[in-house]
Protein backbone atom coordinates (compact mmCIF):
# COMPACT_ATOMS: atom_id res chain seq x y z
CA MET A 1 0.01 -0.01 0.00
CA LYS A 2 2.90 2.29 0.82
CA ARG A 3 4.43 1.52 -2.53
CA PHE A 4 1.18 2.31 -4.33
CA GLY A 5 0.89 5.63 -2.45
CA LYS A 6 4.42 6.60 -3.46
CA TRP A 7 3.78 5.58 -7.05
CA LEU A 8 0.52 7.52 -7.14
CA LEU A 9 2.25 10.56 -5.64
CA ARG A 10 5.00 10.31 -8.27
CA VAL A 11 2.43 10.05 -11.11
CA LEU A 12 0.52 13.08 -9.74
CA ALA A 13 3.76 15.09 -9.36
CA THR A 14 4.84 14.25 -12.87
CA ALA A 15 1.36 15.14 -14.26
CA LEU A 16 1.39 18.40 -12.29
CA GLY A 17 4.92 19.15 -13.59
CA ILE A 18 3.88 18.49 -17.20
CA ALA A 19 0.76 20.64 -16.79
CA LEU A 20 2.83 23.42 -15.24
CA ALA A 21 5.40 23.25 -18.09
CA VAL A 22 2.62 23.38 -20.70
CA PHE A 23 1.03 26.33 -18.88
CA ILE A 24 4.38 28.18 -18.77
CA VAL A 25 5.15 27.47 -22.41
CA ARG A 26 1.62 28.47 -23.46
CA TYR A 27 1.06 31.58 -21.30
CA GLY A 28 4.48 32.42 -19.91
CA TRP A 29 5.77 34.34 -22.94
CA ASP A 30 2.59 36.38 -23.05
CA TRP A 31 3.08 37.24 -19.39
CA VAL A 32 6.77 38.12 -19.90
CA ASN A 33 5.91 40.15 -22.93
CA GLY A 34 3.00 41.91 -21.28
CA SER A 35 4.54 42.60 -17.91
CA ILE A 36 8.24 43.08 -18.62
CA LEU A 37 8.39 44.24 -22.25
CA GLY A 38 4.97 45.87 -22.13
CA GLY A 39 6.02 47.66 -18.96
CA LYS A 40 9.11 48.92 -20.81
CA TYR A 41 6.96 50.24 -23.64
CA ARG A 42 4.41 51.78 -21.26
CA ARG A 43 7.19 53.59 -19.38
CA ALA A 44 8.69 54.77 -22.67
CA THR A 45 5.28 55.97 -23.82
CA GLU A 46 4.82 58.04 -20.65
CA ILE A 47 8.26 59.66 -20.97
CA ILE A 48 7.86 60.45 -24.68
CA SER A 49 4.29 61.86 -24.23
CA HIS A 50 5.51 64.09 -21.38
CA GLU A 51 8.42 65.43 -23.43
CA MET A 52 6.19 66.01 -26.50
CA LEU A 53 3.82 68.17 -24.49
CA LYS A 54 6.76 70.37 -23.38
CA GLY A 55 7.79 70.99 -26.98
CA GLY A 56 6.24 73.50 -29.37
CA GLU A 57 6.86 73.33 -33.07
CA MET A 58 9.59 71.21 -34.68
CA THR A 59 11.15 72.46 -37.90
CA SER A 60 12.30 69.27 -39.62
CA LEU A 61 13.35 70.69 -43.00
CA LYS A 62 14.27 74.13 -44.32
CA TYR A 63 14.30 75.25 -47.91
CA SER A 64 15.57 78.48 -49.37
CA ASP A 65 15.52 80.17 -52.75
CA GLN A 66 17.32 83.17 -54.16
CA ALA A 67 15.92 84.55 -57.41
CA VAL A 68 14.82 87.63 -59.27
CA MET A 69 11.15 88.54 -59.59
CA GLU A 70 10.31 90.02 -62.96
CA SER A 71 7.06 91.76 -63.82
CA SER A 72 6.06 93.80 -66.79
CA THR A 73 2.99 95.63 -67.96
CA ARG A 74 2.26 95.89 -71.70
CA ALA A 75 0.16 98.39 -73.55
CA LEU A 76 -1.37 97.80 -76.96
CA LEU A 77 0.83 99.08 -79.83
CA ILE A 78 3.42 100.55 -77.43
CA GLY A 79 4.78 97.38 -75.78
CA ASP A 80 6.21 97.38 -72.25
CA VAL A 81 5.15 100.48 -70.31
CA GLN A 82 6.41 99.20 -66.99
CA LYS A 83 9.11 96.70 -66.14
CA VAL A 84 10.17 95.73 -62.62
CA THR A 85 12.94 93.35 -61.51
CA VAL A 86 13.55 92.63 -57.84
CA PRO A 87 16.12 90.26 -56.33
CA TYR A 88 14.70 88.33 -53.37
CA ALA A 89 15.43 85.54 -50.92
CA TYR A 90 12.75 83.15 -49.69
CA GLU A 91 13.03 80.65 -46.85
CA ILE A 92 10.43 78.23 -45.52
CA GLY A 93 10.55 75.84 -42.61
CA LEU A 94 8.35 72.69 -42.74
CA GLY A 95 7.60 70.57 -39.68
CA ILE A 96 5.07 69.61 -37.11
CA ARG A 97 3.60 70.60 -33.74
CA LEU A 98 4.92 68.24 -31.09
CA ASP A 99 1.80 68.53 -28.94
CA GLN A 100 -0.18 67.03 -31.80
CA VAL A 101 1.93 63.83 -31.72
CA THR A 102 0.18 60.89 -29.97
CA VAL A 103 2.05 57.94 -28.47
CA GLU A 104 0.54 54.61 -27.54
CA ALA A 105 2.13 51.57 -25.90
CA LYS A 106 1.61 48.25 -27.73
CA GLU A 107 2.71 44.76 -26.79
CA ASP A 108 5.63 44.82 -29.18
CA GLY A 109 6.53 48.50 -29.27
CA VAL A 110 5.33 52.08 -29.28
CA ALA A 111 2.92 53.44 -31.89
CA VAL A 112 3.62 57.06 -32.73
CA THR A 113 1.06 59.08 -34.76
CA VAL A 114 2.75 62.10 -36.28
CA PRO A 115 0.58 64.77 -37.97
CA LYS A 116 1.19 65.76 -41.56
CA ALA A 117 3.96 68.27 -42.07
CA ARG A 118 3.00 71.89 -42.51
CA MET A 119 4.59 75.31 -42.67
CA VAL A 120 6.21 76.30 -39.44
CA TYR A 121 7.54 79.64 -40.69
CA ASP A 122 8.49 81.45 -43.85
CA SER A 123 10.23 84.67 -44.78
CA PHE A 124 10.46 86.74 -47.94
CA GLN A 125 13.05 89.52 -48.25
CA VAL A 126 14.11 91.86 -51.01
CA THR A 127 17.89 91.42 -51.25
CA GLY A 128 18.92 94.24 -53.58
CA GLU A 129 17.81 97.41 -55.32
CA PRO A 130 14.73 96.95 -57.44
CA LYS A 131 15.08 98.03 -61.07
CA VAL A 132 12.01 99.90 -62.22
CA SER A 133 11.38 101.19 -65.76
CA ASP A 134 8.06 103.03 -65.57
CA PHE A 135 8.30 106.14 -67.75
CA LEU A 136 4.85 105.81 -69.26
CA TYR A 137 3.10 104.00 -66.37
CA PRO A 138 4.46 104.96 -62.91
CA LEU A 139 4.68 102.19 -60.33
CA SER A 140 2.72 103.01 -57.22
CA GLU A 141 3.83 101.89 -53.75
CA SER A 142 0.68 99.82 -53.32
CA ARG A 143 1.17 98.06 -56.65
CA TYR A 144 4.83 97.37 -55.82
CA GLN A 145 3.80 95.79 -52.46
CA GLU A 146 1.10 93.79 -54.21
CA MET A 147 3.72 92.40 -56.62
CA LEU A 148 5.93 91.38 -53.69
CA ASN A 149 3.01 89.74 -51.90
CA GLU A 150 2.14 87.77 -55.00
CA GLN A 151 5.68 86.56 -55.40
CA GLU A 152 5.83 85.52 -51.72
CA LYS A 153 2.59 83.57 -52.08
CA GLU A 154 3.89 81.90 -55.23
CA CYS A 155 7.08 80.85 -53.38
CA ARG A 156 5.04 79.49 -50.47
CA GLU A 157 2.70 77.53 -52.71
CA LYS A 158 5.65 75.93 -54.48
CA TYR A 159 6.41 74.02 -51.25
CA LEU A 160 2.99 73.64 -49.64
CA SER A 161 1.31 72.28 -52.78
CA ASN A 162 4.00 69.68 -53.44
CA GLU A 163 3.47 66.44 -51.47
CA GLU A 164 7.15 65.45 -51.98
CA TYR A 165 8.37 68.36 -49.88
CA LEU A 166 5.73 67.70 -47.19
CA ASP A 167 6.48 63.92 -47.14
CA ALA A 168 10.23 64.57 -46.84
CA ALA A 169 9.57 66.90 -43.94
CA TRP A 170 7.32 64.27 -42.25
CA ASP A 171 10.00 61.54 -42.67
CA GLU A 172 12.64 63.80 -41.22
CA ALA A 173 10.30 64.69 -38.27
CA CYS A 174 9.92 60.99 -37.56
CA ALA A 175 13.70 60.46 -37.64
CA LEU A 176 14.18 63.37 -35.22
CA ILE A 177 11.47 62.03 -32.89
CA ARG A 178 13.11 58.58 -32.95
CA ALA A 179 16.46 60.11 -31.98
CA GLN A 180 14.91 62.21 -29.24
CA ALA A 181 12.84 59.32 -27.88
CA GLU A 182 15.95 57.13 -27.58
CA GLN A 183 17.71 59.97 -25.76
CA TRP A 184 14.76 60.66 -23.40
CA THR A 185 14.17 57.03 -22.50
CA GLY A 186 17.80 55.82 -22.56
CA GLU A 187 16.69 52.93 -24.80
CA LYS A 188 18.83 52.49 -27.90
CA GLU A 189 16.65 50.02 -29.74
CA LEU A 190 13.18 51.17 -28.90
CA ASN A 191 10.64 49.75 -31.34
CA LEU A 192 8.80 52.83 -32.59
CA VAL A 193 6.19 52.40 -35.31
CA PHE A 194 5.27 55.70 -37.02
CA GLN A 195 1.97 56.41 -38.74
CA LYS A 196 0.70 59.57 -40.39
CA GLY A 197 -2.07 61.51 -38.67
CA GLU A 198 -4.10 64.45 -39.83
């Protein structure tokens, strides 16, 4: 009877060991992933979100042009009655607002939603003396300013209406966020997955 009791105890212990091993194999990785790795990603998410709220706007790419604006007014039979050339410099910064970035912890990383790139700033400056030939049709100050405003708008639209410039700025913003996130969290291989927001 003693022998049977020991044998039964051994069988039960073996069965319990097998069941425990199956349970660990089946659910253990999920637990490790959820509690240890998931905890790492939750902590990283909190740090990144906090730092994002402290930031304002991020300029990820700058573009600049130097050119000469040319404008002429023609009259029937006479030809050009007014000709204006003005050298100018234009600069635009494209980027994002950091407080519009959302960060969410996932089981296998951190999902980062970054808004589409937009204009952060721009500047238009006359860089030299304008040349004005207006003997028959004098150039008024208001018309001159209107011409400059039109040229500035044209320069701005060149970048804001071209998806390639905006996509390049978005990609660069993601690269900068990745570098900053690694610095803020101290994690060198943080799995960040970027997606484009509105």
